[in-house]
Amino acid sequence: MSRYKIIIFDLDGTLTDSEVGITKSIQYALSKFDIIEEDLKKLKLFIGPPLTKSFQKYYSLDETKAVKAVGFYREYFSEFGIYQNKVYPGIPDLLRELKNDNRKLVLATSKLTVFAEKVLKYFDLYDLFDLIIGSNSDGTRILKKEMVRDILLELQNFKKQNFMVVGDREDDIIAAKENGISSMAVTYGYGSIEELKKANPDYFAHSLKDIKRMISEDRDS
């Protein structure tokens, strides 16, 4: 039997194509600081990593302003951006196949947990997940490595060799490595090949078939 019993999925860029909703939310937040960014493609860099850090890194907002920017982001996202989103073709079938194969499915996302739950419910995916872990509204647990740590604590009856993180950004791969578990980088999301190669995942998946095959074929010794 495959050793991977718990599959930890990222959300944006892994399960859903959320580019429009996220970038428009970022655009709205920046406008509150009189920063007009017409090119939404430039804002794809925000998808995945913690928003506070991205506002500081890419638009030089200080920490106080970055926190306010996240509030403005959530203001737009909660009403509009959350629904400017779509599931990648084949994802529902993949999740059902894994579930039927007795895997536990976990979501780990930098989104607020309440937003992540809304997205999954909107696309009828909520019931497929055993555990949903996102960031907290008080600004804590914003790093993916903290989310993976909490997942391991929640499911401590399983061995670390039973866990696999599947994501499209270096944050996902680094979080897996720092917690001592396996990782798979998907190349159809928002992370560049260069970024993912540098993070050095255990596996690369170029399609949903690759995800299913590699999870199933890696067997206990």
N, C-alpha and C. Protein backbone atom coordinates (compact mmCIF):
# COMPACT_ATOMS: atom_id res chain seq x y z
N MET A 1 0.84 -1.20 0.00
CA MET A 1 0.00 0.00 0.00
C MET A 1 0.88 1.25 0.00
N SER A 2 0.41 2.29 -0.67
CA SER A 2 1.15 3.55 -0.69
C SER A 2 1.33 4.08 0.73
N ARG A 3 2.50 4.62 0.97
CA ARG A 3 2.76 5.12 2.33
C ARG A 3 2.07 6.45 2.60
N TYR A 4 1.64 7.17 1.55
CA TYR A 4 1.04 8.48 1.75
C TYR A 4 -0.44 8.36 2.06
N LYS A 5 -0.75 8.54 3.34
CA LYS A 5 -2.12 8.37 3.81
C LYS A 5 -2.81 9.72 4.05
N ILE A 6 -2.02 10.77 4.27
CA ILE A 6 -2.57 12.11 4.49
C ILE A 6 -1.99 13.04 3.44
N ILE A 7 -2.85 13.59 2.61
CA ILE A 7 -2.43 14.48 1.54
C ILE A 7 -2.84 15.90 1.92
N ILE A 8 -1.86 16.77 2.07
CA ILE A 8 -2.10 18.16 2.46
C ILE A 8 -2.04 19.03 1.21
N PHE A 9 -3.20 19.52 0.79
CA PHE A 9 -3.28 20.33 -0.42
C PHE A 9 -3.26 21.82 -0.11
N ASP A 10 -2.51 22.56 -0.90
CA ASP A 10 -2.65 24.00 -0.96
C ASP A 10 -3.95 24.28 -1.72
N LEU A 11 -4.44 25.53 -1.64
CA LEU A 11 -5.69 25.86 -2.33
C LEU A 11 -5.45 26.64 -3.62
N ASP A 12 -5.00 27.88 -3.51
CA ASP A 12 -4.84 28.74 -4.68
C ASP A 12 -3.68 28.26 -5.56
N GLY A 13 -3.98 27.99 -6.81
CA GLY A 13 -2.94 27.55 -7.74
C GLY A 13 -2.71 26.06 -7.71
N THR A 14 -3.38 25.37 -6.80
CA THR A 14 -3.27 23.91 -6.71
C THR A 14 -4.61 23.25 -6.96
N LEU A 15 -5.63 23.72 -6.25
CA LEU A 15 -7.00 23.21 -6.46
C LEU A 15 -7.84 24.18 -7.28
N THR A 16 -7.62 25.47 -7.07
CA THR A 16 -8.44 26.47 -7.78
C THR A 16 -7.58 27.51 -8.48
N ASP A 17 -8.14 28.05 -9.56
CA ASP A 17 -7.53 29.17 -10.29
C ASP A 17 -8.18 30.44 -9.77
N SER A 18 -7.55 31.04 -8.79
CA SER A 18 -8.12 32.18 -8.07
C SER A 18 -7.48 33.50 -8.45
N GLU A 19 -6.77 33.50 -9.56
CA GLU A 19 -5.97 34.67 -9.94
C GLU A 19 -6.80 35.96 -10.01
N VAL A 20 -7.94 35.92 -10.67
CA VAL A 20 -8.73 37.14 -10.86
C VAL A 20 -9.19 37.71 -9.52
N GLY A 21 -9.77 36.86 -8.69
CA GLY A 21 -10.29 37.33 -7.41
C GLY A 21 -9.23 37.88 -6.49
N ILE A 22 -8.08 37.22 -6.44
CA ILE A 22 -7.01 37.66 -5.55
C ILE A 22 -6.37 38.95 -6.06
N THR A 23 -6.05 38.99 -7.36
CA THR A 23 -5.37 40.18 -7.88
C THR A 23 -6.26 41.41 -7.85
N LYS A 24 -7.55 41.24 -8.07
CA LYS A 24 -8.47 42.39 -7.97
C LYS A 24 -8.58 42.86 -6.52
N SER A 25 -8.52 41.92 -5.59
CA SER A 25 -8.56 42.29 -4.17
C SER A 25 -7.30 43.05 -3.77
N ILE A 26 -6.16 42.62 -4.29
CA ILE A 26 -4.90 43.31 -4.04
C ILE A 26 -4.95 44.71 -4.65
N GLN A 27 -5.44 44.79 -5.87
CA GLN A 27 -5.56 46.07 -6.57
C GLN A 27 -6.41 47.05 -5.76
N TYR A 28 -7.50 46.56 -5.23
CA TYR A 28 -8.39 47.38 -4.40
C TYR A 28 -7.66 47.86 -3.15
N ALA A 29 -6.94 46.95 -2.49
CA ALA A 29 -6.22 47.32 -1.26
C ALA A 29 -5.16 48.38 -1.54
N LEU A 30 -4.43 48.21 -2.62
CA LEU A 30 -3.39 49.19 -2.97
C LEU A 30 -3.98 50.56 -3.26
N SER A 31 -5.16 50.57 -3.87
CA SER A 31 -5.80 51.85 -4.21
C SER A 31 -6.11 52.68 -2.97
N LYS A 32 -6.28 52.02 -1.83
CA LYS A 32 -6.55 52.72 -0.58
C LYS A 32 -5.33 53.51 -0.09
N PHE A 33 -4.16 53.20 -0.68
CA PHE A 33 -2.93 53.93 -0.35
C PHE A 33 -2.49 54.78 -1.54
N ASP A 34 -3.46 55.05 -2.43
CA ASP A 34 -3.19 55.85 -3.64
C ASP A 34 -2.14 55.21 -4.54
N ILE A 35 -2.08 53.88 -4.49
CA ILE A 35 -1.21 53.13 -5.41
C ILE A 35 -2.10 52.52 -6.48
N ILE A 36 -1.99 53.00 -7.69
CA ILE A 36 -2.83 52.52 -8.77
C ILE A 36 -2.03 51.52 -9.61
N GLU A 37 -2.45 50.28 -9.53
CA GLU A 37 -1.78 49.22 -10.28
C GLU A 37 -2.75 48.66 -11.32
N GLU A 38 -2.52 49.03 -12.58
CA GLU A 38 -3.42 48.61 -13.65
C GLU A 38 -3.13 47.18 -14.13
N ASP A 39 -1.89 46.75 -13.99
CA ASP A 39 -1.47 45.45 -14.52
C ASP A 39 -1.70 44.35 -13.48
N LEU A 40 -2.81 43.65 -13.61
CA LEU A 40 -3.13 42.60 -12.64
C LEU A 40 -2.12 41.45 -12.67
N LYS A 41 -1.49 41.24 -13.81
CA LYS A 41 -0.52 40.15 -13.92
C LYS A 41 0.64 40.35 -12.93
N LYS A 42 0.99 41.60 -12.68
CA LYS A 42 2.08 41.89 -11.74
C LYS A 42 1.73 41.44 -10.33
N LEU A 43 0.44 41.35 -10.05
CA LEU A 43 -0.01 41.02 -8.69
C LEU A 43 -0.11 39.52 -8.44
N LYS A 44 0.19 38.71 -9.46
CA LYS A 44 0.18 37.26 -9.27
C LYS A 44 1.21 36.83 -8.22
N LEU A 45 2.23 37.67 -8.02
CA LEU A 45 3.26 37.34 -7.02
C LEU A 45 2.68 37.22 -5.62
N PHE A 46 1.51 37.82 -5.40
CA PHE A 46 0.87 37.79 -4.09
C PHE A 46 0.19 36.45 -3.80
N ILE A 47 -0.04 35.66 -4.82
CA ILE A 47 -0.82 34.43 -4.64
C ILE A 47 0.04 33.35 -3.99
N GLY A 48 -0.31 32.97 -2.80
CA GLY A 48 0.42 31.92 -2.09
C GLY A 48 1.05 32.37 -0.79
N PRO A 49 2.07 33.26 -0.84
CA PRO A 49 2.74 33.69 0.40
C PRO A 49 1.82 34.55 1.27
N PRO A 50 2.20 34.76 2.53
CA PRO A 50 1.42 35.62 3.42
C PRO A 50 1.28 37.03 2.84
N LEU A 51 0.09 37.57 2.85
CA LEU A 51 -0.17 38.87 2.23
C LEU A 51 0.60 40.01 2.89
N THR A 52 0.68 40.00 4.20
CA THR A 52 1.37 41.08 4.90
C THR A 52 2.80 41.21 4.40
N LYS A 53 3.47 40.08 4.26
CA LYS A 53 4.86 40.10 3.81
C LYS A 53 4.95 40.55 2.36
N SER A 54 3.98 40.17 1.54
CA SER A 54 4.02 40.55 0.12
C SER A 54 3.79 42.05 -0.07
N PHE A 55 2.89 42.64 0.70
CA PHE A 55 2.68 44.10 0.62
C PHE A 55 3.97 44.84 1.00
N GLN A 56 4.68 44.31 1.97
CA GLN A 56 5.94 44.94 2.38
C GLN A 56 7.02 44.74 1.32
N LYS A 57 7.08 43.54 0.78
CA LYS A 57 8.14 43.20 -0.17
C LYS A 57 7.98 43.89 -1.52
N TYR A 58 6.77 43.88 -2.06
CA TYR A 58 6.58 44.34 -3.44
C TYR A 58 6.15 45.80 -3.57
N TYR A 59 5.56 46.37 -2.48
CA TYR A 59 5.12 47.76 -2.56
C TYR A 59 5.64 48.61 -1.41
N SER A 60 6.60 48.06 -0.69
CA SER A 60 7.34 48.82 0.35
C SER A 60 6.44 49.45 1.41
N LEU A 61 5.32 48.82 1.71
CA LEU A 61 4.50 49.30 2.81
C LEU A 61 5.16 48.89 4.12
N ASP A 62 5.11 49.77 5.11
CA ASP A 62 5.65 49.36 6.41
C ASP A 62 4.67 48.37 7.04
N GLU A 63 5.08 47.80 8.16
CA GLU A 63 4.28 46.72 8.75
C GLU A 63 2.86 47.18 9.11
N THR A 64 2.74 48.38 9.67
CA THR A 64 1.42 48.89 10.06
C THR A 64 0.51 49.04 8.84
N LYS A 65 1.04 49.62 7.77
CA LYS A 65 0.25 49.80 6.55
C LYS A 65 -0.04 48.46 5.89
N ALA A 66 0.90 47.53 5.97
CA ALA A 66 0.68 46.22 5.36
C ALA A 66 -0.47 45.49 6.04
N VAL A 67 -0.54 45.62 7.35
CA VAL A 67 -1.65 45.00 8.09
C VAL A 67 -2.98 45.65 7.68
N LYS A 68 -2.99 46.97 7.53
CA LYS A 68 -4.20 47.66 7.08
C LYS A 68 -4.57 47.22 5.66
N ALA A 69 -3.55 47.03 4.83
CA ALA A 69 -3.79 46.61 3.45
C ALA A 69 -4.46 45.24 3.41
N VAL A 70 -4.06 44.36 4.30
CA VAL A 70 -4.69 43.04 4.37
C VAL A 70 -6.17 43.19 4.74
N GLY A 71 -6.47 44.13 5.62
CA GLY A 71 -7.86 44.39 5.98
C GLY A 71 -8.67 44.86 4.78
N PHE A 72 -8.10 45.77 3.98
CA PHE A 72 -8.78 46.24 2.77
C PHE A 72 -8.94 45.10 1.76
N TYR A 73 -7.91 44.26 1.65
CA TYR A 73 -7.98 43.09 0.78
C TYR A 73 -9.17 42.22 1.16
N ARG A 74 -9.31 41.93 2.44
CA ARG A 74 -10.39 41.06 2.91
C ARG A 74 -11.75 41.70 2.69
N GLU A 75 -11.79 43.02 2.77
CA GLU A 75 -13.04 43.77 2.55
C GLU A 75 -13.59 43.48 1.14
N TYR A 76 -12.71 43.56 0.15
CA TYR A 76 -13.13 43.29 -1.24
C TYR A 76 -13.32 41.78 -1.47
N PHE A 77 -12.35 41.01 -0.96
CA PHE A 77 -12.35 39.57 -1.23
C PHE A 77 -13.60 38.89 -0.69
N SER A 78 -14.02 39.28 0.52
CA SER A 78 -15.15 38.62 1.16
C SER A 78 -16.46 38.82 0.40
N GLU A 79 -16.56 39.93 -0.33
CA GLU A 79 -17.80 40.22 -1.06
C GLU A 79 -17.72 39.85 -2.53
N PHE A 80 -16.56 40.03 -3.15
CA PHE A 80 -16.44 39.83 -4.59
C PHE A 80 -15.37 38.79 -4.97
N GLY A 81 -14.16 38.99 -4.48
CA GLY A 81 -13.03 38.19 -4.93
C GLY A 81 -13.16 36.71 -4.68
N ILE A 82 -13.80 36.35 -3.59
CA ILE A 82 -13.92 34.94 -3.23
C ILE A 82 -14.65 34.14 -4.30
N TYR A 83 -15.53 34.81 -5.05
CA TYR A 83 -16.31 34.13 -6.09
C TYR A 83 -15.74 34.31 -7.49
N GLN A 84 -14.69 35.13 -7.62
CA GLN A 84 -14.00 35.29 -8.91
C GLN A 84 -12.92 34.22 -8.97
N ASN A 85 -13.35 33.01 -9.10
CA ASN A 85 -12.52 31.85 -8.84
C ASN A 85 -13.10 30.65 -9.59
N LYS A 86 -12.28 29.66 -9.90
CA LYS A 86 -12.79 28.44 -10.53
C LYS A 86 -11.90 27.26 -10.17
N VAL A 87 -12.51 26.10 -10.11
CA VAL A 87 -11.76 24.88 -9.81
C VAL A 87 -11.08 24.40 -11.08
N TYR A 88 -9.82 23.97 -10.95
CA TYR A 88 -9.15 23.41 -12.12
C TYR A 88 -9.91 22.15 -12.59
N PRO A 89 -10.03 21.99 -13.89
CA PRO A 89 -10.73 20.80 -14.42
C PRO A 89 -10.11 19.50 -13.89
N GLY A 90 -10.96 18.61 -13.42
CA GLY A 90 -10.49 17.32 -12.93
C GLY A 90 -10.21 17.24 -11.45
N ILE A 91 -10.13 18.39 -10.77
CA ILE A 91 -9.82 18.39 -9.33
C ILE A 91 -10.88 17.64 -8.51
N PRO A 92 -12.19 17.91 -8.70
CA PRO A 92 -13.18 17.17 -7.91
C PRO A 92 -13.04 15.66 -8.05
N ASP A 93 -12.81 15.17 -9.27
CA ASP A 93 -12.65 13.73 -9.49
C ASP A 93 -11.40 13.21 -8.80
N LEU A 94 -10.29 13.98 -8.87
CA LEU A 94 -9.06 13.57 -8.21
C LEU A 94 -9.27 13.44 -6.70
N LEU A 95 -9.91 14.43 -6.11
CA LEU A 95 -10.13 14.40 -4.66
C LEU A 95 -11.02 13.22 -4.27
N ARG A 96 -12.03 12.96 -5.06
CA ARG A 96 -12.92 11.83 -4.75
C ARG A 96 -12.18 10.49 -4.88
N GLU A 97 -11.33 10.39 -5.90
CA GLU A 97 -10.54 9.16 -6.08
C GLU A 97 -9.64 8.93 -4.88
N LEU A 98 -8.97 9.97 -4.43
CA LEU A 98 -8.08 9.84 -3.28
C LEU A 98 -8.87 9.49 -2.02
N LYS A 99 -10.02 10.12 -1.87
CA LYS A 99 -10.88 9.86 -0.71
C LYS A 99 -11.37 8.41 -0.72
N ASN A 100 -11.77 7.95 -1.89
CA ASN A 100 -12.25 6.57 -2.03
C ASN A 100 -11.13 5.57 -1.83
N ASP A 101 -9.89 6.03 -1.96
CA ASP A 101 -8.72 5.17 -1.76
C ASP A 101 -8.24 5.26 -0.31
N ASN A 102 -9.13 5.75 0.56
CA ASN A 102 -8.87 5.82 2.01
C ASN A 102 -7.75 6.77 2.41
N ARG A 103 -7.59 7.85 1.64
CA ARG A 103 -6.65 8.90 2.06
C ARG A 103 -7.39 9.92 2.90
N LYS A 104 -6.68 10.53 3.83
CA LYS A 104 -7.22 11.69 4.53
C LYS A 104 -6.79 12.93 3.74
N LEU A 105 -7.73 13.81 3.45
CA LEU A 105 -7.44 15.02 2.71
C LEU A 105 -7.47 16.22 3.65
N VAL A 106 -6.41 17.03 3.58
CA VAL A 106 -6.28 18.20 4.45
C VAL A 106 -6.00 19.41 3.57
N LEU A 107 -6.57 20.55 3.93
CA LEU A 107 -6.29 21.80 3.23
C LEU A 107 -5.43 22.69 4.10
N ALA A 108 -4.37 23.23 3.52
CA ALA A 108 -3.51 24.20 4.22
C ALA A 108 -3.35 25.41 3.32
N THR A 109 -3.88 26.55 3.74
CA THR A 109 -3.89 27.73 2.90
C THR A 109 -3.62 28.99 3.71
N SER A 110 -2.98 29.97 3.06
CA SER A 110 -2.73 31.24 3.72
C SER A 110 -3.99 32.07 3.88
N LYS A 111 -5.07 31.68 3.19
CA LYS A 111 -6.35 32.35 3.39
C LYS A 111 -6.83 32.19 4.82
N LEU A 112 -7.68 33.12 5.25
CA LEU A 112 -8.37 32.90 6.52
C LEU A 112 -9.13 31.58 6.44
N THR A 113 -9.16 30.85 7.52
CA THR A 113 -9.86 29.57 7.53
C THR A 113 -11.31 29.73 7.08
N VAL A 114 -11.98 30.78 7.53
CA VAL A 114 -13.38 30.99 7.18
C VAL A 114 -13.53 31.21 5.67
N PHE A 115 -12.59 31.90 5.04
CA PHE A 115 -12.64 32.08 3.58
C PHE A 115 -12.41 30.76 2.86
N ALA A 116 -11.45 29.98 3.35
CA ALA A 116 -11.16 28.69 2.74
C ALA A 116 -12.40 27.78 2.79
N GLU A 117 -13.07 27.79 3.93
CA GLU A 117 -14.28 26.97 4.06
C GLU A 117 -15.36 27.42 3.09
N LYS A 118 -15.50 28.74 2.92
CA LYS A 118 -16.49 29.27 1.98
C LYS A 118 -16.20 28.85 0.55
N VAL A 119 -14.93 28.90 0.17
CA VAL A 119 -14.53 28.50 -1.18
C VAL A 119 -14.86 27.03 -1.41
N LEU A 120 -14.49 26.19 -0.47
CA LEU A 120 -14.74 24.75 -0.62
C LEU A 120 -16.24 24.45 -0.68
N LYS A 121 -17.01 25.14 0.14
CA LYS A 121 -18.46 24.93 0.12
C LYS A 121 -19.07 25.41 -1.20
N TYR A 122 -18.57 26.53 -1.70
CA TYR A 122 -19.07 27.10 -2.95
C TYR A 122 -18.89 26.14 -4.11
N PHE A 123 -17.77 25.39 -4.08
CA PHE A 123 -17.48 24.44 -5.16
C PHE A 123 -17.83 22.99 -4.80
N ASP A 124 -18.59 22.81 -3.72
CA ASP A 124 -19.02 21.48 -3.28
C ASP A 124 -17.84 20.53 -3.01
N LEU A 125 -16.79 21.06 -2.43
CA LEU A 125 -15.62 20.25 -2.10
C LEU A 125 -15.42 20.10 -0.60
N TYR A 126 -16.18 20.83 0.17
CA TYR A 126 -15.97 20.90 1.62
C TYR A 126 -16.01 19.52 2.29
N ASP A 127 -16.98 18.70 1.92
CA ASP A 127 -17.16 17.41 2.59
C ASP A 127 -16.06 16.40 2.27
N LEU A 128 -15.21 16.71 1.30
CA LEU A 128 -14.13 15.79 0.95
C LEU A 128 -12.92 15.93 1.87
N PHE A 129 -12.89 17.01 2.65
CA PHE A 129 -11.72 17.29 3.48
C PHE A 129 -11.96 16.90 4.93
N ASP A 130 -10.95 16.26 5.51
CA ASP A 130 -11.00 15.85 6.92
C ASP A 130 -10.59 16.99 7.84
N LEU A 131 -9.80 17.91 7.32
CA LEU A 131 -9.28 19.00 8.14
C LEU A 131 -8.98 20.19 7.25
N ILE A 132 -9.34 21.39 7.72
CA ILE A 132 -9.10 22.61 6.96
C ILE A 132 -8.34 23.58 7.87
N ILE A 133 -7.13 23.93 7.46
CA ILE A 133 -6.28 24.80 8.26
C ILE A 133 -5.90 26.03 7.44
N GLY A 134 -6.26 27.22 7.95
CA GLY A 134 -5.90 28.47 7.30
C GLY A 134 -5.28 29.41 8.30
N SER A 135 -5.13 30.65 7.90
CA SER A 135 -4.58 31.65 8.82
C SER A 135 -5.68 32.13 9.78
N ASN A 136 -5.26 32.76 10.86
CA ASN A 136 -6.21 33.27 11.85
C ASN A 136 -6.46 34.76 11.64
N SER A 137 -7.65 35.21 11.99
CA SER A 137 -8.03 36.61 11.77
C SER A 137 -7.22 37.58 12.62
N ASP A 138 -6.58 37.07 13.68
CA ASP A 138 -5.78 37.95 14.55
C ASP A 138 -4.35 38.11 14.04
N GLY A 139 -4.07 37.59 12.85
CA GLY A 139 -2.74 37.75 12.27
C GLY A 139 -1.76 36.65 12.62
N THR A 140 -2.22 35.63 13.33
CA THR A 140 -1.34 34.50 13.67
C THR A 140 -1.54 33.36 12.67
N ARG A 141 -0.60 32.45 12.71
CA ARG A 141 -0.56 31.28 11.82
C ARG A 141 -0.71 31.70 10.35
N ILE A 142 0.17 32.60 9.93
CA ILE A 142 0.13 33.05 8.54
C ILE A 142 1.15 32.31 7.67
N LEU A 143 2.10 31.62 8.32
CA LEU A 143 3.13 30.91 7.58
C LEU A 143 2.71 29.46 7.33
N LYS A 144 2.99 28.97 6.14
CA LYS A 144 2.59 27.61 5.79
C LYS A 144 3.26 26.57 6.69
N LYS A 145 4.48 26.84 7.12
CA LYS A 145 5.16 25.88 8.00
C LYS A 145 4.44 25.74 9.34
N GLU A 146 3.80 26.84 9.80
CA GLU A 146 3.03 26.78 11.05
C GLU A 146 1.76 25.96 10.85
N MET A 147 1.16 26.07 9.68
CA MET A 147 -0.05 25.29 9.39
C MET A 147 0.26 23.80 9.34
N VAL A 148 1.37 23.46 8.66
CA VAL A 148 1.76 22.05 8.57
C VAL A 148 2.10 21.51 9.95
N ARG A 149 2.76 22.32 10.76
CA ARG A 149 3.07 21.92 12.15
C ARG A 149 1.78 21.58 12.91
N ASP A 150 0.76 22.44 12.78
CA ASP A 150 -0.50 22.20 13.48
C ASP A 150 -1.22 20.97 12.95
N ILE A 151 -1.08 20.71 11.66
CA ILE A 151 -1.70 19.51 11.07
C ILE A 151 -1.05 18.26 11.65
N LEU A 152 0.27 18.27 11.76
CA LEU A 152 0.97 17.12 12.33
C LEU A 152 0.58 16.88 13.78
N LEU A 153 0.35 17.97 14.52
CA LEU A 153 -0.08 17.84 15.91
C LEU A 153 -1.50 17.27 15.98
N GLU A 154 -2.34 17.72 15.06
CA GLU A 154 -3.74 17.25 15.03
C GLU A 154 -3.82 15.77 14.66
N LEU A 155 -2.90 15.34 13.80
CA LEU A 155 -2.94 13.96 13.31
C LEU A 155 -1.69 13.21 13.75
N GLN A 156 -1.35 13.34 15.02
CA GLN A 156 -0.10 12.79 15.52
C GLN A 156 -0.09 11.27 15.65
N ASN A 157 -1.22 10.63 15.40
CA ASN A 157 -1.25 9.17 15.41
C ASN A 157 -0.61 8.59 14.15
N PHE A 158 -0.38 9.43 13.15
CA PHE A 158 0.26 8.98 11.92
C PHE A 158 1.75 9.30 11.96
N LYS A 159 2.52 8.51 11.23
CA LYS A 159 3.96 8.75 11.11
C LYS A 159 4.21 9.86 10.09
N LYS A 160 5.32 10.56 10.24
CA LYS A 160 5.63 11.64 9.30
C LYS A 160 5.77 11.13 7.87
N GLN A 161 6.21 9.89 7.72
CA GLN A 161 6.37 9.34 6.37
C GLN A 161 5.03 9.14 5.67
N ASN A 162 3.93 9.28 6.41
CA ASN A 162 2.60 9.12 5.82
C ASN A 162 2.03 10.41 5.23
N PHE A 163 2.74 11.53 5.42
CA PHE A 163 2.24 12.83 5.00
C PHE A 163 2.89 13.30 3.70
N MET A 164 2.10 13.99 2.89
CA MET A 164 2.60 14.60 1.66
C MET A 164 1.94 15.97 1.48
N VAL A 165 2.75 17.00 1.25
CA VAL A 165 2.24 18.33 0.91
C VAL A 165 2.25 18.49 -0.60
N VAL A 166 1.13 18.95 -1.16
CA VAL A 166 1.02 19.21 -2.59
C VAL A 166 0.71 20.69 -2.78
N GLY A 167 1.62 21.42 -3.46
CA GLY A 167 1.40 22.85 -3.64
C GLY A 167 2.15 23.40 -4.83
N ASP A 168 1.88 24.67 -5.14
CA ASP A 168 2.44 25.28 -6.36
C ASP A 168 3.48 26.36 -6.08
N ARG A 169 3.78 26.64 -4.81
CA ARG A 169 4.74 27.70 -4.48
C ARG A 169 5.84 27.15 -3.57
N GLU A 170 6.95 27.87 -3.52
CA GLU A 170 8.07 27.42 -2.69
C GLU A 170 7.69 27.33 -1.22
N ASP A 171 6.75 28.17 -0.78
CA ASP A 171 6.31 28.14 0.62
C ASP A 171 5.79 26.76 1.01
N ASP A 172 5.09 26.11 0.08
CA ASP A 172 4.53 24.78 0.35
C ASP A 172 5.65 23.76 0.53
N ILE A 173 6.63 23.84 -0.37
CA ILE A 173 7.73 22.87 -0.33
C ILE A 173 8.60 23.09 0.90
N ILE A 174 8.90 24.35 1.19
CA ILE A 174 9.72 24.68 2.37
C ILE A 174 9.01 24.26 3.65
N ALA A 175 7.71 24.46 3.71
CA ALA A 175 6.93 24.07 4.90
C ALA A 175 7.02 22.58 5.14
N ALA A 176 6.95 21.81 4.06
CA ALA A 176 7.06 20.35 4.18
C ALA A 176 8.44 19.96 4.69
N LYS A 177 9.47 20.54 4.09
CA LYS A 177 10.84 20.20 4.47
C LYS A 177 11.11 20.55 5.94
N GLU A 178 10.65 21.73 6.36
CA GLU A 178 10.93 22.16 7.73
C GLU A 178 10.18 21.33 8.77
N ASN A 179 9.16 20.63 8.31
CA ASN A 179 8.42 19.74 9.22
C ASN A 179 8.75 18.27 9.00
N GLY A 180 9.72 18.00 8.12
CA GLY A 180 10.21 16.64 7.95
C GLY A 180 9.29 15.70 7.20
N ILE A 181 8.48 16.25 6.26
CA ILE A 181 7.58 15.40 5.49
C ILE A 181 7.81 15.61 3.98
N SER A 182 7.21 14.75 3.18
CA SER A 182 7.41 14.78 1.74
C SER A 182 6.63 15.91 1.08
N SER A 183 7.08 16.28 -0.13
CA SER A 183 6.42 17.37 -0.84
C SER A 183 6.34 17.08 -2.34
N MET A 184 5.31 17.64 -2.95
CA MET A 184 5.12 17.53 -4.40
C MET A 184 4.79 18.91 -4.94
N ALA A 185 5.56 19.38 -5.92
CA ALA A 185 5.32 20.68 -6.53
C ALA A 185 4.51 20.49 -7.81
N VAL A 186 3.39 21.20 -7.91
CA VAL A 186 2.61 21.17 -9.15
C VAL A 186 3.05 22.35 -10.01
N THR A 187 3.23 22.09 -11.29
CA THR A 187 3.80 23.10 -12.18
C THR A 187 2.76 23.88 -12.96
N TYR A 188 1.48 23.59 -12.75
CA TYR A 188 0.42 24.29 -13.49
C TYR A 188 -0.11 25.50 -12.74
N GLY A 189 0.43 25.77 -11.53
CA GLY A 189 -0.08 26.86 -10.70
C GLY A 189 0.66 28.16 -10.92
N TYR A 190 0.90 28.90 -9.83
CA TYR A 190 1.44 30.26 -9.92
C TYR A 190 2.93 30.36 -9.66
N GLY A 191 3.54 29.31 -9.16
CA GLY A 191 4.98 29.34 -8.93
C GLY A 191 5.74 29.04 -10.20
N SER A 192 6.86 29.71 -10.41
CA SER A 192 7.67 29.45 -11.60
C SER A 192 8.44 28.14 -11.42
N ILE A 193 8.86 27.57 -12.55
CA ILE A 193 9.67 26.35 -12.49
C ILE A 193 10.96 26.61 -11.73
N GLU A 194 11.55 27.80 -11.95
CA GLU A 194 12.80 28.14 -11.28
C GLU A 194 12.61 28.18 -9.76
N GLU A 195 11.51 28.80 -9.34
CA GLU A 195 11.21 28.88 -7.90
C GLU A 195 11.05 27.50 -7.30
N LEU A 196 10.33 26.64 -8.00
CA LEU A 196 10.05 25.30 -7.47
C LEU A 196 11.29 24.43 -7.47
N LYS A 197 12.10 24.52 -8.53
CA LYS A 197 13.33 23.73 -8.57
C LYS A 197 14.27 24.13 -7.44
N LYS A 198 14.33 25.42 -7.16
CA LYS A 198 15.18 25.90 -6.07
C LYS A 198 14.73 25.36 -4.72
N ALA A 199 13.41 25.22 -4.55
CA ALA A 199 12.86 24.69 -3.29
C ALA A 199 13.13 23.19 -3.16
N ASN A 200 13.36 22.51 -4.30
CA ASN A 200 13.76 21.10 -4.32
C ASN A 200 12.73 20.16 -3.69
N PRO A 201 11.56 20.04 -4.30
CA PRO A 201 10.54 19.11 -3.78
C PRO A 201 10.95 17.66 -4.03
N ASP A 202 10.28 16.75 -3.38
CA ASP A 202 10.54 15.33 -3.61
C ASP A 202 9.99 14.87 -4.96
N TYR A 203 8.91 15.51 -5.39
CA TYR A 203 8.28 15.14 -6.65
C TYR A 203 7.84 16.40 -7.40
N PHE A 204 7.77 16.27 -8.73
CA PHE A 204 7.14 17.29 -9.57
C PHE A 204 5.92 16.66 -10.23
N ALA A 205 4.82 17.40 -10.27
CA ALA A 205 3.62 16.94 -10.96
C ALA A 205 3.23 17.97 -12.01
N HIS A 206 3.18 17.53 -13.26
CA HIS A 206 2.82 18.42 -14.35
C HIS A 206 1.34 18.32 -14.71
N SER A 207 0.65 17.39 -14.08
CA SER A 207 -0.77 17.18 -14.36
C SER A 207 -1.43 16.50 -13.16
N LEU A 208 -2.75 16.44 -13.18
CA LEU A 208 -3.46 15.75 -12.10
C LEU A 208 -3.17 14.26 -12.12
N LYS A 209 -2.96 13.70 -13.31
CA LYS A 209 -2.60 12.28 -13.41
C LYS A 209 -1.29 12.01 -12.70
N ASP A 210 -0.35 12.95 -12.82
CA ASP A 210 0.93 12.80 -12.12
C ASP A 210 0.74 12.77 -10.61
N ILE A 211 -0.14 13.64 -10.11
CA ILE A 211 -0.39 13.68 -8.66
C ILE A 211 -0.89 12.32 -8.18
N LYS A 212 -1.92 11.82 -8.83
CA LYS A 212 -2.52 10.55 -8.42
C LYS A 212 -1.52 9.41 -8.55
N ARG A 213 -0.79 9.36 -9.64
CA ARG A 213 0.15 8.26 -9.89
C ARG A 213 1.26 8.24 -8.85
N MET A 214 1.86 9.39 -8.58
CA MET A 214 2.99 9.42 -7.66
C MET A 214 2.59 9.17 -6.21
N ILE A 215 1.38 9.63 -5.84
CA ILE A 215 0.89 9.35 -4.49
C ILE A 215 0.65 7.84 -4.34
N SER A 216 0.10 7.22 -5.37
CA SER A 216 -0.28 5.82 -5.29
C SER A 216 0.89 4.87 -5.44
N GLU A 217 1.89 5.25 -6.26
CA GLU A 217 2.97 4.33 -6.56
C GLU A 217 4.04 4.27 -5.49
N ASP A 218 4.20 5.34 -4.71
CA ASP A 218 5.23 5.32 -3.66
C ASP A 218 4.72 4.46 -2.50
N ARG A 219 5.32 3.32 -2.34
CA ARG A 219 4.78 2.33 -1.42
C ARG A 219 5.66 2.16 -0.19
N ASP A 220 5.02 1.66 0.88
CA ASP A 220 5.77 1.32 2.09
C ASP A 220 6.79 0.24 1.76
N SER A 221 7.95 0.35 2.38
CA SER A 221 8.99 -0.67 2.15
C SER A 221 8.72 -1.88 3.03
